Protein backbone atom coordinates (compact mmCIF):
# COMPACT_ATOMS: atom_id res chain seq x y z
CA MET A 1 0.00 0.00 0.00
CA GLY A 2 2.87 2.31 0.69
CA LEU A 3 4.08 1.82 -2.86
CA PHE A 4 0.87 3.16 -4.36
CA SER A 5 0.45 5.95 -1.85
CA GLN A 6 2.77 8.25 -3.76
CA PHE A 7 0.66 7.85 -6.95
CA CYS A 8 -2.81 7.70 -5.46
CA GLY A 9 -2.08 9.93 -2.49
CA GLY A 10 -3.67 13.22 -1.52
CA ALA A 11 -4.93 15.88 -3.85
CA GLU A 12 -1.88 18.09 -3.76
CA ALA A 13 -1.52 20.61 -6.56
CA GLN A 14 1.61 20.49 -8.66
CA SER A 15 3.05 23.54 -10.38
CA ALA A 16 4.40 23.37 -13.90
CA ALA A 17 8.16 23.33 -14.35
CA PRO A 18 9.64 26.62 -15.61
CA GLY A 19 10.47 25.10 -19.04
CA VAL A 20 6.94 23.78 -19.65
CA ARG A 21 4.53 25.97 -21.61
CA LEU A 22 0.79 25.58 -21.25
CA ALA A 23 -1.43 25.09 -24.28
CA GLN A 24 -3.63 28.04 -25.11
CA ALA A 25 -6.53 28.34 -27.49
CA ALA A 26 -5.35 30.07 -30.66
CA SER A 27 -7.26 33.04 -31.98
CA PRO A 28 -8.81 32.71 -35.46
CA ASP A 29 -6.22 35.16 -36.83
CA ASP A 30 -3.32 32.86 -35.89
CA ILE A 31 -4.63 29.75 -37.68
CA PRO A 32 -3.60 29.47 -41.33
CA PRO A 33 -6.42 28.51 -43.74
CA PRO A 34 -6.55 24.79 -44.56
CA ARG A 35 -4.88 23.85 -47.82
CA LYS A 36 -7.24 22.39 -50.38
CA ARG A 37 -5.87 19.43 -52.26
CA PRO A 38 -7.16 18.70 -55.72
CA PRO A 39 -8.93 15.35 -55.96
CA PRO A 40 -6.69 12.51 -57.09
CA ARG A 41 -6.92 11.84 -60.82
CA LEU A 42 -6.63 8.35 -62.18
CA ARG A 43 -5.61 7.76 -65.79
CA VAL A 44 -7.63 4.95 -67.29
CA THR A 45 -6.25 3.49 -70.51
CA PRO A 46 -7.80 0.39 -72.07
CA TYR A 47 -5.43 -2.35 -73.13
CA TYR A 48 -7.22 -2.63 -76.47
CA SER A 49 -8.77 -0.12 -78.83
CA PRO A 50 -12.51 0.03 -78.13
CA ASP A 51 -14.34 -0.78 -81.35
CA GLY A 52 -17.72 -1.87 -79.96
CA VAL A 53 -16.99 -5.61 -80.01
CA TYR A 54 -17.56 -7.32 -76.67
CA PRO A 55 -16.39 -9.82 -75.50
CA ARG A 56 -13.03 -9.41 -77.14
CA TYR A 57 -11.91 -12.59 -78.90
CA ASN A 58 -9.23 -13.26 -81.50
CA PRO A 59 -10.28 -16.38 -83.42
CA GLY A 60 -7.01 -16.57 -85.35
CA PRO A 61 -6.21 -16.45 -89.04
CA ASN A 62 -8.67 -17.87 -91.60
CA ALA A 63 -11.48 -18.16 -89.03
CA VAL A 64 -15.08 -18.33 -90.20
CA ARG A 65 -18.07 -17.10 -88.27
CA GLU A 66 -21.00 -19.51 -88.24
CA CYS A 67 -24.43 -18.12 -87.36
CA ASN A 68 -27.69 -19.95 -86.83
CA ALA A 69 -30.93 -17.95 -87.01
CA THR A 70 -34.21 -19.34 -85.73
CA TYR A 71 -37.59 -18.02 -84.63
CA VAL A 72 -38.70 -18.61 -81.06
CA GLN A 73 -41.88 -17.88 -79.15
CA GLU A 74 -41.79 -15.32 -76.34
CA PHE A 75 -44.65 -15.08 -73.92
CA ARG A 76 -45.31 -11.40 -73.11
CA PRO A 77 -48.10 -9.70 -71.15
CA SER A 78 -49.56 -8.39 -74.41
CA GLY A 79 -49.59 -11.91 -75.89
CA THR A 80 -47.34 -14.51 -77.45
CA VAL A 81 -44.99 -13.21 -80.14
CA ILE A 82 -42.48 -14.85 -82.47
CA VAL A 83 -39.05 -13.20 -82.52
CA PRO A 84 -35.80 -14.00 -84.34
CA ARG A 85 -32.94 -15.42 -82.28
CA VAL A 86 -29.38 -15.54 -83.64
CA SER A 87 -26.44 -17.47 -82.14
CA CYS A 88 -22.96 -17.24 -83.63
CA TYR A 89 -19.59 -18.90 -83.04
CA TRP A 90 -16.16 -18.99 -84.66
CA ARG A 91 -14.75 -22.06 -86.34
CA PRO A 92 -11.33 -22.58 -87.94
CA GLY A 93 -11.41 -21.92 -91.68
């Protein structure tokens, strides 16, 4: 108990050492205005030239595109309709 008595002891006031300065609230004239940083800019460069073809696929030389077109029924709230459906794929030429 004697060990802790020097830390938890009475409520004696301590004076600041001569070299210690106390913090004071700064007046608004002393505070410099905050520096505004421009937002970070990211450079986005695609690794291919965008030409409207997605997904990008290189079928190789002499490739041939095969397409199958059929008509299918679609059931819509206004009634059943027949619409064209096309599916394509690449095959070696």
